[in-house]
Amino acid sequence: SSQCQLTSSKEVGGVPTARMKFRPCIDIHAGQVKQIVGGTLKEDSDSLITNFEATQPSSYFSELYRKDGLGGGHAIMLGANAENRATALEAVKAYPGGLQVGGGINTENALDFLEAGASHVIVTSFVFHDGKMNQERLAAMVDLVGKARLVLDLSCRRAAGEGRPVYKVVTDRWQKWTELEVNEETLKDLAQHCDEFLVHAVDVEGKMSGIEEPLVEVLATSPIPVTYAGGIRSLEDMERIRTLGSGRVDATIGSALDIFGGKLLYDDVVKWHYRQQESDPPESAK
């Protein structure tokens, strides 16, 4: 991926600035493609706030992203069950090499998704234990799939307190706090073990209420590709991430997109993405 980074930056007055990308997503709950309010995902489904449920199969979205030449997206299983697994496998098979898969990934099932066509597996809860990063489990996962096919999900919430915002990683449906702070040191340290980071700002996830700006600034210090998700509602928000992140922080839009029942036109976001790349979309996307 270092190769990709070199080719995806441009010189501006001698200072390289990266080209921000739009990363598409497929969120899967109870075997269906949905958009939910992140902080409401608990054991009991009664408290779940759902923004959108798709009538189409997951492969419909994979095929759309493939047609539009959008790589590096992710399919996330919200809950480890057979329905979600089948829906995720269907998504990756429809776009081989084009989607990363996360949600309940461990050393038992990671290879199934890679063999089905996922480009990477995304891991969170498996490599955390008792609120700390478990180095042995992380090493076992790297040994199994290889650093180049591993994405670490550092989804986080803002810890209470005055002063500079502090973001701590949360696991287990984003309900369990860990002691790990998402900061420049953590990103540099963990970048030695994975290919990319995916970071949901859980407090604003699914609320379409704007982004966690201080978190985007932290993510810009990552030495490897990083994707931010949470609260994006407009192309203005995307521009804000591009500015705060110096183009180095990619972003995912969920509930705000028209394909997920929102007001922001997916086609406009795709056009915006290709303007950032200074390239034309594939013929199939026109």
C-alpha atoms as a PDB file:
ATOM      1  CA  SER A   1       0.000   0.000   0.000  1.00  0.00           C
ATOM      2  CA  SER A   2       2.988   2.334   0.344  1.00  0.00           C
ATOM      3  CA  GLN A   3       3.169   2.151  -3.445  1.00  0.00           C
ATOM      4  CA  CYS A   4      -0.444   3.310  -3.672  1.00  0.00           C
ATOM      5  CA  GLN A   5       0.237   6.195  -1.358  1.00  0.00           C
ATOM      6  CA  LEU A   6       3.150   7.394  -3.446  1.00  0.00           C
ATOM      7  CA  THR A   7       1.108   7.358  -6.620  1.00  0.00           C
ATOM      8  CA  SER A   8      -1.919   8.911  -4.980  1.00  0.00           C
ATOM      9  CA  SER A   9      -0.264  12.109  -3.805  1.00  0.00           C
ATOM     10  CA  LYS A  10       0.519  15.223  -5.734  1.00  0.00           C
ATOM     11  CA  GLU A  11       3.048  17.983  -5.174  1.00  0.00           C
ATOM     12  CA  VAL A  12       1.694  21.391  -4.249  1.00  0.00           C
ATOM     13  CA  GLY A  13       4.431  23.956  -3.889  1.00  0.00           C
ATOM     14  CA  GLY A  14       6.828  21.135  -3.079  1.00  0.00           C
ATOM     15  CA  VAL A  15       4.582  19.797  -0.307  1.00  0.00           C
ATOM     16  CA  PRO A  16       2.957  16.455  -1.113  1.00  0.00           C
ATOM     17  CA  THR A  17      -0.765  16.348  -0.380  1.00  0.00           C
ATOM     18  CA  ALA A  18      -2.667  13.110  -0.707  1.00  0.00           C
ATOM     19  CA  ARG A  19      -5.841  12.696  -2.704  1.00  0.00           C
ATOM     20  CA  MET A  20      -8.751  11.955  -0.406  1.00  0.00           C
ATOM     21  CA  LYS A  21     -11.024   9.088  -1.427  1.00  0.00           C
ATOM     22  CA  PHE A  22     -14.669   8.295  -0.833  1.00  0.00           C
ATOM     23  CA  ARG A  23     -14.887   4.764   0.568  1.00  0.00           C
ATOM     24  CA  PRO A  24     -18.237   3.029   0.118  1.00  0.00           C
ATOM     25  CA  CYS A  25     -19.813   0.794   2.754  1.00  0.00           C
ATOM     26  CA  ILE A  26     -22.298  -2.023   3.238  1.00  0.00           C
ATOM     27  CA  ASP A  27     -23.567  -2.402   6.817  1.00  0.00           C
ATOM     28  CA  ILE A  28     -25.268  -5.730   7.519  1.00  0.00           C
ATOM     29  CA  HIS A  29     -27.649  -6.456  10.402  1.00  0.00           C
ATOM     30  CA  ALA A  30     -29.944  -9.504  10.687  1.00  0.00           C
ATOM     31  CA  GLY A  31     -28.882 -10.528   7.176  1.00  0.00           C
ATOM     32  CA  GLN A  32     -30.034  -7.243   5.626  1.00  0.00           C
ATOM     33  CA  VAL A  33     -28.242  -4.136   4.407  1.00  0.00           C
ATOM     34  CA  LYS A  34     -29.122  -1.395   6.916  1.00  0.00           C
ATOM     35  CA  GLN A  35     -27.999   1.925   8.294  1.00  0.00           C
ATOM     36  CA  ILE A  36     -28.231   2.238  12.063  1.00  0.00           C
ATOM     37  CA  VAL A  37     -27.384   4.738  14.791  1.00  0.00           C
ATOM     38  CA  GLY A  38     -24.060   3.326  15.991  1.00  0.00           C
ATOM     39  CA  GLY A  39     -24.360   3.963  19.717  1.00  0.00           C
ATOM     40  CA  THR A  40     -27.671   2.062  19.942  1.00  0.00           C
ATOM     41  CA  LEU A  41     -26.281  -1.344  18.917  1.00  0.00           C
ATOM     42  CA  LYS A  42     -26.731  -3.547  21.989  1.00  0.00           C
ATOM     43  CA  GLU A  43     -27.519  -7.177  22.788  1.00  0.00           C
ATOM     44  CA  ASP A  44     -31.264  -6.515  22.796  1.00  0.00           C
ATOM     45  CA  SER A  45     -32.544  -5.374  19.433  1.00  0.00           C
ATOM     46  CA  ASP A  46     -35.318  -3.280  21.048  1.00  0.00           C
ATOM     47  CA  SER A  47     -32.968  -0.349  21.633  1.00  0.00           C
ATOM     48  CA  LEU A  48     -31.618  -0.369  18.071  1.00  0.00           C
ATOM     49  CA  ILE A  49     -32.388   2.776  16.094  1.00  0.00           C
ATOM     50  CA  THR A  50     -32.484   1.984  12.379  1.00  0.00           C
ATOM     51  CA  ASN A  51     -32.250   4.740   9.768  1.00  0.00           C
ATOM     52  CA  PHE A  52     -32.716   2.543   6.721  1.00  0.00           C
ATOM     53  CA  GLU A  53     -33.325  -1.043   5.575  1.00  0.00           C
ATOM     54  CA  ALA A  54     -32.547  -1.979   1.982  1.00  0.00           C
ATOM     55  CA  THR A  55     -34.872  -4.131  -0.075  1.00  0.00           C
ATOM     56  CA  GLN A  56     -31.988  -5.094  -2.394  1.00  0.00           C
ATOM     57  CA  PRO A  57     -29.438  -7.847  -1.658  1.00  0.00           C
ATOM     58  CA  SER A  58     -25.925  -6.885  -0.531  1.00  0.00           C
ATOM     59  CA  SER A  59     -24.551  -7.824  -3.970  1.00  0.00           C
ATOM     60  CA  TYR A  60     -26.596  -4.963  -5.478  1.00  0.00           C
ATOM     61  CA  PHE A  61     -24.411  -2.477  -3.593  1.00  0.00           C
ATOM     62  CA  SER A  62     -21.189  -4.374  -4.389  1.00  0.00           C
ATOM     63  CA  GLU A  63     -22.027  -4.302  -8.075  1.00  0.00           C
ATOM     64  CA  LEU A  64     -22.810  -0.584  -7.904  1.00  0.00           C
ATOM     65  CA  TYR A  65     -19.426   0.159  -6.295  1.00  0.00           C
ATOM     66  CA  ARG A  66     -17.644  -2.085  -8.789  1.00  0.00           C
ATOM     67  CA  LYS A  67     -19.340  -0.368 -11.737  1.00  0.00           C
ATOM     68  CA  ASP A  68     -18.277   3.009 -10.348  1.00  0.00           C
ATOM     69  CA  GLY A  69     -14.677   1.876  -9.837  1.00  0.00           C
ATOM     70  CA  LEU A  70     -14.761   2.500  -6.076  1.00  0.00           C
ATOM     71  CA  GLY A  71     -12.274   0.295  -4.242  1.00  0.00           C
ATOM     72  CA  GLY A  72     -11.326  -0.055  -0.592  1.00  0.00           C
ATOM     73  CA  GLY A  73     -14.876  -0.043   0.716  1.00  0.00           C
ATOM     74  CA  HIS A  74     -16.044  -2.181   3.590  1.00  0.00           C
ATOM     75  CA  ALA A  75     -18.825  -4.605   4.455  1.00  0.00           C
ATOM     76  CA  ILE A  76     -19.461  -4.695   8.201  1.00  0.00           C
ATOM     77  CA  MET A  77     -21.423  -7.450   9.932  1.00  0.00           C
ATOM     78  CA  LEU A  78     -23.233  -5.959  12.915  1.00  0.00           C
ATOM     79  CA  GLY A  79     -23.474  -9.135  14.950  1.00  0.00           C
ATOM     80  CA  ALA A  80     -21.833 -12.519  14.378  1.00  0.00           C
ATOM     81  CA  ASN A  81     -24.527 -14.817  13.031  1.00  0.00           C
ATOM     82  CA  ALA A  82     -25.101 -17.067  10.031  1.00  0.00           C
ATOM     83  CA  GLU A  83     -27.429 -14.608   8.260  1.00  0.00           C
ATOM     84  CA  ASN A  84     -24.905 -11.770   8.413  1.00  0.00           C
ATOM     85  CA  ARG A  85     -22.078 -14.040   7.338  1.00  0.00           C
ATOM     86  CA  ALA A  86     -24.020 -15.251   4.279  1.00  0.00           C
ATOM     87  CA  THR A  87     -24.909 -11.674   3.325  1.00  0.00           C
ATOM     88  CA  ALA A  88     -21.291 -10.520   3.715  1.00  0.00           C
ATOM     89  CA  LEU A  89     -19.984 -13.434   1.638  1.00  0.00           C
ATOM     90  CA  GLU A  90     -22.516 -12.600  -1.083  1.00  0.00           C
ATOM     91  CA  ALA A  91     -21.268  -8.987  -1.074  1.00  0.00           C
ATOM     92  CA  VAL A  92     -17.575  -9.882  -1.458  1.00  0.00           C
ATOM     93  CA  LYS A  93     -18.190 -12.534  -4.099  1.00  0.00           C
ATOM     94  CA  ALA A  94     -19.918  -9.899  -6.251  1.00  0.00           C
ATOM     95  CA  TYR A  95     -16.853  -7.613  -6.118  1.00  0.00           C
ATOM     96  CA  PRO A  96     -13.675  -9.711  -5.738  1.00  0.00           C
ATOM     97  CA  GLY A  97     -10.812  -7.642  -4.320  1.00  0.00           C
ATOM     98  CA  GLY A  98     -13.030  -4.586  -3.931  1.00  0.00           C
ATOM     99  CA  LEU A  99     -14.311  -4.861  -0.368  1.00  0.00           C
ATOM    100  CA  GLN A 100     -12.887  -5.307   3.103  1.00  0.00           C
ATOM    101  CA  VAL A 101     -14.955  -7.317   5.602  1.00  0.00           C
ATOM    102  CA  GLY A 102     -15.333  -6.740   9.325  1.00  0.00           C
ATOM    103  CA  GLY A 103     -17.488  -7.627  12.303  1.00  0.00           C
ATOM    104  CA  GLY A 104     -16.719 -10.669  14.441  1.00  0.00           C
ATOM    105  CA  ILE A 105     -13.576 -11.520  12.460  1.00  0.00           C
ATOM    106  CA  ASN A 106     -11.188 -13.885  14.259  1.00  0.00           C
ATOM    107  CA  THR A 107      -8.491 -16.422  13.419  1.00  0.00           C
ATOM    108  CA  GLU A 108     -11.175 -19.093  12.868  1.00  0.00           C
ATOM    109  CA  ASN A 109     -13.093 -17.300  10.098  1.00  0.00           C
ATOM    110  CA  ALA A 110     -10.744 -14.686   8.578  1.00  0.00           C
ATOM    111  CA  LEU A 111      -9.500 -16.896   5.735  1.00  0.00           C
ATOM    112  CA  ASP A 112     -13.064 -17.782   4.664  1.00  0.00           C
ATOM    113  CA  PHE A 113     -13.712 -14.147   3.768  1.00  0.00           C
ATOM    114  CA  LEU A 114     -10.364 -13.646   2.051  1.00  0.00           C
ATOM    115  CA  GLU A 115     -10.855 -16.815   0.019  1.00  0.00           C
ATOM    116  CA  ALA A 116     -14.341 -15.602  -0.967  1.00  0.00           C
ATOM    117  CA  GLY A 117     -12.836 -12.436  -2.431  1.00  0.00           C
ATOM    118  CA  ALA A 118     -12.442  -9.872   0.369  1.00  0.00           C
ATOM    119  CA  SER A 119      -9.354  -7.700  -0.132  1.00  0.00           C
ATOM    120  CA  HIS A 120      -8.770  -7.389   3.638  1.00  0.00           C
ATOM    121  CA  VAL A 121     -10.295  -8.455   6.920  1.00  0.00           C
ATOM    122  CA  ILE A 122     -11.115  -5.751   9.478  1.00  0.00           C
ATOM    123  CA  VAL A 123     -10.501  -6.652  13.106  1.00  0.00           C
ATOM    124  CA  THR A 124     -11.391  -4.999  16.421  1.00  0.00           C
ATOM    125  CA  SER A 125     -12.798  -6.999  19.310  1.00  0.00           C
ATOM    126  CA  PHE A 126     -10.647 -10.075  18.623  1.00  0.00           C
ATOM    127  CA  VAL A 127      -7.375  -8.216  19.276  1.00  0.00           C
ATOM    128  CA  PHE A 128      -8.630  -6.534  22.455  1.00  0.00           C
ATOM    129  CA  HIS A 129      -8.957  -8.297  25.769  1.00  0.00           C
ATOM    130  CA  ASP A 130      -9.908  -6.767  29.119  1.00  0.00           C
ATOM    131  CA  GLY A 131      -9.675  -3.273  27.714  1.00  0.00           C
ATOM    132  CA  LYS A 132      -6.141  -3.652  26.348  1.00  0.00           C
ATOM    133  CA  MET A 133      -4.638  -4.544  22.992  1.00  0.00           C
ATOM    134  CA  ASN A 134      -3.704  -8.233  23.055  1.00  0.00           C
ATOM    135  CA  GLN A 135      -0.335  -8.442  21.288  1.00  0.00           C
ATOM    136  CA  GLU A 136      -0.442 -12.249  21.005  1.00  0.00           C
ATOM    137  CA  ARG A 137      -3.803 -12.219  19.242  1.00  0.00           C
ATOM    138  CA  LEU A 138      -2.672  -9.397  16.968  1.00  0.00           C
ATOM    139  CA  ALA A 139       0.482 -11.360  16.073  1.00  0.00           C
ATOM    140  CA  ALA A 140      -1.596 -14.506  15.436  1.00  0.00           C
ATOM    141  CA  MET A 141      -3.870 -12.593  13.060  1.00  0.00           C
ATOM    142  CA  VAL A 142      -0.902 -11.054  11.208  1.00  0.00           C
ATOM    143  CA  ASP A 143       0.695 -14.509  10.914  1.00  0.00           C
ATOM    144  CA  LEU A 144      -2.538 -15.921   9.512  1.00  0.00           C
ATOM    145  CA  VAL A 145      -3.598 -13.314   6.931  1.00  0.00           C
ATOM    146  CA  GLY A 146      -0.465 -11.168   6.502  1.00  0.00           C
ATOM    147  CA  LYS A 147      -0.058  -7.514   7.412  1.00  0.00           C
ATOM    148  CA  ALA A 148      -1.019  -6.475   3.849  1.00  0.00           C
ATOM    149  CA  ARG A 149      -4.525  -7.924   4.236  1.00  0.00           C
ATOM    150  CA  LEU A 150      -5.305  -6.673   7.740  1.00  0.00           C
ATOM    151  CA  VAL A 151      -7.239  -3.521   8.638  1.00  0.00           C
ATOM    152  CA  LEU A 152      -7.471  -2.522  12.294  1.00  0.00           C
ATOM    153  CA  ASP A 153     -10.753  -0.931  13.300  1.00  0.00           C
ATOM    154  CA  LEU A 154     -10.060   1.721  15.941  1.00  0.00           C
ATOM    155  CA  SER A 155     -13.645   2.886  16.320  1.00  0.00           C
ATOM    156  CA  CYS A 156     -13.815   5.179  19.307  1.00  0.00           C
ATOM    157  CA  ARG A 157     -15.816   7.467  21.548  1.00  0.00           C
ATOM    158  CA  ARG A 158     -14.871  10.767  23.118  1.00  0.00           C
ATOM    159  CA  ALA A 159     -13.994  10.276  26.779  1.00  0.00           C
ATOM    160  CA  ALA A 160     -15.673  12.620  29.253  1.00  0.00           C
ATOM    161  CA  GLY A 161     -13.604  15.514  30.550  1.00  0.00           C
ATOM    162  CA  GLU A 162     -12.539  19.062  29.914  1.00  0.00           C
ATOM    163  CA  GLY A 163      -9.728  20.236  27.675  1.00  0.00           C
ATOM    164  CA  ARG A 164      -8.354  18.477  24.616  1.00  0.00           C
ATOM    165  CA  PRO A 165     -10.743  15.798  23.324  1.00  0.00           C
ATOM    166  CA  VAL A 166      -9.525  12.280  24.104  1.00  0.00           C
ATOM    167  CA  TYR A 167     -10.805   9.373  22.013  1.00  0.00           C
ATOM    168  CA  LYS A 168     -10.748   5.833  23.395  1.00  0.00           C
ATOM    169  CA  VAL A 169     -11.269   2.678  21.334  1.00  0.00           C
ATOM    170  CA  VAL A 170     -14.564   0.868  21.995  1.00  0.00           C
ATOM    171  CA  THR A 171     -15.241  -2.792  21.192  1.00  0.00           C
ATOM    172  CA  ASP A 172     -18.066  -5.347  21.365  1.00  0.00           C
ATOM    173  CA  ARG A 173     -20.768  -3.531  19.387  1.00  0.00           C
ATOM    174  CA  TRP A 174     -19.118  -0.263  20.440  1.00  0.00           C
ATOM    175  CA  GLN A 175     -20.430  -0.697  23.979  1.00  0.00           C
ATOM    176  CA  LYS A 176     -17.208  -1.695  25.785  1.00  0.00           C
ATOM    177  CA  TRP A 177     -14.566   0.959  26.500  1.00  0.00           C
ATOM    178  CA  THR A 178     -10.876   0.115  26.246  1.00  0.00           C
ATOM    179  CA  GLU A 179      -7.899   1.977  27.685  1.00  0.00           C
ATOM    180  CA  LEU A 180      -6.391   2.578  24.242  1.00  0.00           C
ATOM    181  CA  GLU A 181      -6.363   6.206  23.164  1.00  0.00           C
ATOM    182  CA  VAL A 182      -6.492   6.984  19.447  1.00  0.00           C
ATOM    183  CA  ASN A 183      -3.560   9.377  19.043  1.00  0.00           C
ATOM    184  CA  GLU A 184      -0.474   9.820  16.882  1.00  0.00           C
ATOM    185  CA  GLU A 185       1.585   7.421  19.003  1.00  0.00           C
ATOM    186  CA  THR A 186      -1.042   4.637  18.812  1.00  0.00           C
ATOM    187  CA  LEU A 187      -1.426   5.060  15.050  1.00  0.00           C
ATOM    188  CA  LYS A 188       2.347   4.918  14.468  1.00  0.00           C
ATOM    189  CA  ASP A 189       2.720   1.888  16.712  1.00  0.00           C
ATOM    190  CA  LEU A 190      -0.159  -0.137  15.245  1.00  0.00           C
ATOM    191  CA  ALA A 191       0.713   0.835  11.652  1.00  0.00           C
ATOM    192  CA  GLN A 192       3.571  -1.658  11.911  1.00  0.00           C
ATOM    193  CA  HIS A 193       1.027  -4.492  12.111  1.00  0.00           C
ATOM    194  CA  CYS A 194      -1.633  -3.646   9.516  1.00  0.00           C
ATOM    195  CA  ASP A 195      -2.274  -2.153   6.076  1.00  0.00           C
ATOM    196  CA  GLU A 196      -4.955   0.413   6.975  1.00  0.00           C
ATOM    197  CA  PHE A 197      -7.132   1.751   9.780  1.00  0.00           C
ATOM    198  CA  LEU A 198     -10.914   2.144   9.815  1.00  0.00           C
ATOM    199  CA  VAL A 199     -12.245   4.523  12.465  1.00  0.00           C
ATOM    200  CA  HIS A 200     -15.922   5.083  13.243  1.00  0.00           C
ATOM    201  CA  ALA A 201     -16.622   8.097  15.434  1.00  0.00           C
ATOM    202  CA  VAL A 202     -19.270   6.187  17.362  1.00  0.00           C
ATOM    203  CA  ASP A 203     -20.828   9.189  19.157  1.00  0.00           C
ATOM    204  CA  VAL A 204     -21.900  10.704  15.819  1.00  0.00           C
ATOM    205  CA  GLU A 205     -22.278   7.483  13.787  1.00  0.00           C
ATOM    206  CA  GLY A 206     -25.609   7.411  11.954  1.00  0.00           C
ATOM    207  CA  LYS A 207     -26.767  10.761  13.328  1.00  0.00           C
ATOM    208  CA  MET A 208     -25.954  12.899  10.266  1.00  0.00           C
ATOM    209  CA  SER A 209     -25.098  15.689  12.700  1.00  0.00           C
ATOM    210  CA  GLY A 210     -21.619  16.599  11.482  1.00  0.00           C
ATOM    211  CA  ILE A 211     -18.168  15.156  12.011  1.00  0.00           C
ATOM    212  CA  GLU A 212     -15.778  14.791  14.958  1.00  0.00           C
ATOM    213  CA  GLU A 213     -13.275  17.370  13.720  1.00  0.00           C
ATOM    214  CA  PRO A 214     -10.576  16.831  16.394  1.00  0.00           C
ATOM    215  CA  LEU A 215     -10.566  13.098  15.585  1.00  0.00           C
ATOM    216  CA  VAL A 216     -10.019  13.762  11.868  1.00  0.00           C
ATOM    217  CA  GLU A 217      -6.984  15.892  12.785  1.00  0.00           C
ATOM    218  CA  VAL A 218      -5.591  13.021  14.872  1.00  0.00           C
ATOM    219  CA  LEU A 219      -6.171  10.549  12.025  1.00  0.00           C
ATOM    220  CA  ALA A 220      -4.191  12.763   9.648  1.00  0.00           C
ATOM    221  CA  THR A 221      -1.056  11.761  11.602  1.00  0.00           C
ATOM    222  CA  SER A 222      -1.436   8.111  10.521  1.00  0.00           C
ATOM    223  CA  PRO A 223       1.508   6.791   8.480  1.00  0.00           C
ATOM    224  CA  ILE A 224      -0.805   4.376   6.607  1.00  0.00           C
ATOM    225  CA  PRO A 225      -4.196   4.848   4.869  1.00  0.00           C
ATOM    226  CA  VAL A 226      -7.054   5.594   7.241  1.00  0.00           C
ATOM    227  CA  THR A 227     -10.802   5.862   6.685  1.00  0.00           C
ATOM    228  CA  TYR A 228     -13.054   8.014   8.881  1.00  0.00           C
ATOM    229  CA  ALA A 229     -16.767   7.262   9.323  1.00  0.00           C
ATOM    230  CA  GLY A 230     -19.399   9.089  11.322  1.00  0.00           C
ATOM    231  CA  GLY A 231     -21.819  11.976  10.989  1.00  0.00           C
ATOM    232  CA  ILE A 232     -21.049  12.993   7.394  1.00  0.00           C
ATOM    233  CA  ARG A 233     -24.116  14.607   5.814  1.00  0.00           C
ATOM    234  CA  SER A 234     -22.848  16.686   2.884  1.00  0.00           C
ATOM    235  CA  LEU A 235     -20.051  17.332   0.408  1.00  0.00           C
ATOM    236  CA  GLU A 236     -19.150  20.288   2.649  1.00  0.00           C
ATOM    237  CA  ASP A 237     -18.385  17.765   5.403  1.00  0.00           C
ATOM    238  CA  MET A 238     -16.224  15.827   2.938  1.00  0.00           C
ATOM    239  CA  GLU A 239     -14.358  19.032   2.038  1.00  0.00           C
ATOM    240  CA  ARG A 240     -13.871  19.738   5.744  1.00  0.00           C
ATOM    241  CA  ILE A 241     -12.314  16.286   6.220  1.00  0.00           C
ATOM    242  CA  ARG A 242     -10.099  16.882   3.186  1.00  0.00           C
ATOM    243  CA  THR A 243      -8.865  20.153   4.697  1.00  0.00           C
ATOM    244  CA  LEU A 244      -8.481  18.937   8.296  1.00  0.00           C
ATOM    245  CA  GLY A 245      -6.888  15.691   7.118  1.00  0.00           C
ATOM    246  CA  SER A 246      -4.643  17.244   4.452  1.00  0.00           C
ATOM    247  CA  GLY A 247      -6.195  14.792   1.993  1.00  0.00           C
ATOM    248  CA  ARG A 248      -4.725  11.873   3.936  1.00  0.00           C
ATOM    249  CA  VAL A 249      -7.972  10.814   5.635  1.00  0.00           C
ATOM    250  CA  ASP A 250     -10.478   8.963   3.449  1.00  0.00           C
ATOM    251  CA  ALA A 251     -14.150   8.919   4.416  1.00  0.00           C
ATOM    252  CA  THR A 252     -17.266   6.778   4.363  1.00  0.00           C
ATOM    253  CA  ILE A 253     -20.805   8.120   4.113  1.00  0.00           C
ATOM    254  CA  GLY A 254     -23.694   5.983   5.302  1.00  0.00           C
ATOM    255  CA  SER A 255     -27.142   7.193   6.332  1.00  0.00           C
ATOM    256  CA  ALA A 256     -26.883  10.524   4.484  1.00  0.00           C
ATOM    257  CA  LEU A 257     -26.653   8.861   1.036  1.00  0.00           C
ATOM    258  CA  ASP A 258     -29.760   8.573  -1.127  1.00  0.00           C
ATOM    259  CA  ILE A 259     -28.989   4.879  -1.771  1.00  0.00           C
ATOM    260  CA  PHE A 260     -29.480   4.445   2.008  1.00  0.00           C
ATOM    261  CA  GLY A 261     -32.564   6.647   2.233  1.00  0.00           C
ATOM    262  CA  GLY A 262     -30.768   9.979   2.782  1.00  0.00           C
ATOM    263  CA  LYS A 263     -30.682  13.273   0.876  1.00  0.00           C
ATOM    264  CA  LEU A 264     -27.077  13.327  -0.374  1.00  0.00           C
ATOM    265  CA  LEU A 265     -26.887  12.015  -3.931  1.00  0.00           C
ATOM    266  CA  TYR A 266     -24.560   9.038  -4.243  1.00  0.00           C
ATOM    267  CA  ASP A 267     -23.812  10.050  -7.848  1.00  0.00           C
ATOM    268  CA  ASP A 268     -22.656  13.492  -6.673  1.00  0.00           C
ATOM    269  CA  VAL A 269     -20.312  11.877  -4.150  1.00  0.00           C
ATOM    270  CA  VAL A 270     -18.847   9.620  -6.867  1.00  0.00           C
ATOM    271  CA  LYS A 271     -18.259  12.679  -9.073  1.00  0.00           C
ATOM    272  CA  TRP A 272     -16.636  14.480  -6.115  1.00  0.00           C
ATOM    273  CA  HIS A 273     -14.389  11.444  -5.534  1.00  0.00           C
ATOM    274  CA  TYR A 274     -13.161  11.472  -9.136  1.00  0.00           C
ATOM    275  CA  ARG A 275     -12.528  15.215  -9.001  1.00  0.00           C
ATOM    276  CA  GLN A 276     -10.200  14.562  -6.045  1.00  0.00           C
ATOM    277  CA  GLN A 277      -8.366  11.879  -8.038  1.00  0.00           C
ATOM    278  CA  GLU A 278      -8.196  14.214 -11.036  1.00  0.00           C
ATOM    279  CA  SER A 279      -9.325  11.326 -13.182  1.00  0.00           C
ATOM    280  CA  ASP A 280     -12.453  10.314 -15.034  1.00  0.00           C
ATOM    281  CA  PRO A 281     -14.854   7.716 -13.645  1.00  0.00           C
ATOM    282  CA  PRO A 282     -14.917   4.409 -15.508  1.00  0.00           C
ATOM    283  CA  GLU A 283     -17.099   4.363 -18.638  1.00  0.00           C
ATOM    284  CA  SER A 284     -19.519   2.051 -16.849  1.00  0.00           C
ATOM    285  CA  ALA A 285     -20.195   4.777 -14.266  1.00  0.00           C
ATOM    286  CA  LYS A 286     -21.230   7.457 -16.737  1.00  0.00           C
END
